[in-house]
Amino acid sequence: MFGRLFKFFVLCFVLYALARWVLDREQRRTLRDWAHTLAISLLISSLLLVLLFLLGINV
């Protein structure tokens, strides 16, 4: 499990470094906004799934 998590963080770091190197400031701001929106939507969907699980509805 630790190995997979480490690989995931290395991949995220490499993608972040590549985006900083390739994209200009305005494109990075757009990418940051997109990633922020994606993170919020994933949190909301996970909370909905947990709520459904607690209510006894298995999806």
Protein backbone atom coordinates (compact mmCIF):
# COMPACT_ATOMS: atom_id res chain seq x y z
CA MET A 1 0.00 0.00 0.00
CA PHE A 2 2.80 2.41 0.88
CA GLY A 3 4.51 1.71 -2.44
CA ARG A 4 1.37 2.55 -4.42
CA LEU A 5 0.83 5.73 -2.43
CA PHE A 6 4.46 6.75 -2.98
CA LYS A 7 4.15 6.13 -6.73
CA PHE A 8 0.96 8.20 -6.80
CA PHE A 9 2.66 11.14 -5.06
CA VAL A 10 5.67 10.91 -7.38
CA LEU A 11 3.34 10.91 -10.39
CA CYS A 12 1.46 13.96 -9.03
CA PHE A 13 4.73 15.79 -8.41
CA VAL A 14 6.01 15.04 -11.92
CA LEU A 15 2.74 16.20 -13.48
CA TYR A 16 2.81 19.37 -11.37
CA ALA A 17 6.41 20.11 -12.34
CA LEU A 18 5.63 19.46 -16.01
CA ALA A 19 2.62 21.78 -15.90
CA ARG A 20 4.70 24.55 -14.32
CA TRP A 21 7.41 24.11 -16.94
CA VAL A 22 5.17 23.92 -20.02
CA LEU A 23 2.21 26.20 -19.25
CA ASP A 24 2.27 29.96 -18.92
CA ARG A 25 0.70 31.85 -16.00
CA GLU A 26 -2.82 32.21 -17.43
CA GLN A 27 -3.00 28.56 -18.49
CA ARG A 28 -1.82 27.47 -15.04
CA ARG A 29 -4.56 29.56 -13.42
CA THR A 30 -7.16 27.86 -15.63
CA LEU A 31 -5.70 24.44 -14.82
CA ARG A 32 -5.75 25.28 -11.09
CA ASP A 33 -9.40 26.33 -11.29
CA TRP A 34 -10.26 23.10 -13.10
CA ALA A 35 -8.41 20.98 -10.51
CA HIS A 36 -10.12 22.86 -7.67
CA THR A 37 -13.54 22.24 -9.20
CA LEU A 38 -12.71 18.57 -9.74
CA ALA A 39 -11.56 18.17 -6.13
CA ILE A 40 -14.75 19.74 -4.78
CA SER A 41 -16.95 17.57 -6.98
CA LEU A 42 -15.10 14.41 -5.86
CA LEU A 43 -15.54 15.37 -2.21
CA ILE A 44 -19.25 16.01 -2.70
CA SER A 45 -19.77 12.71 -4.51
CA SER A 46 -17.88 10.78 -1.82
CA LEU A 47 -19.97 12.42 0.90
CA LEU A 48 -23.14 11.49 -0.96
CA LEU A 49 -21.99 7.88 -1.25
CA VAL A 50 -21.18 7.75 2.46
CA LEU A 51 -24.59 9.22 3.29
CA LEU A 52 -26.34 6.66 1.08
CA PHE A 53 -24.34 3.87 2.71
CA LEU A 54 -25.29 5.07 6.18
CA LEU A 55 -28.95 5.15 5.14
CA GLY A 56 -28.68 1.52 4.02
CA ILE A 57 -28.85 2.13 0.29
CA ASN A 58 -26.04 0.22 -1.39
CA VAL A 59 -25.18 1.65 -4.79
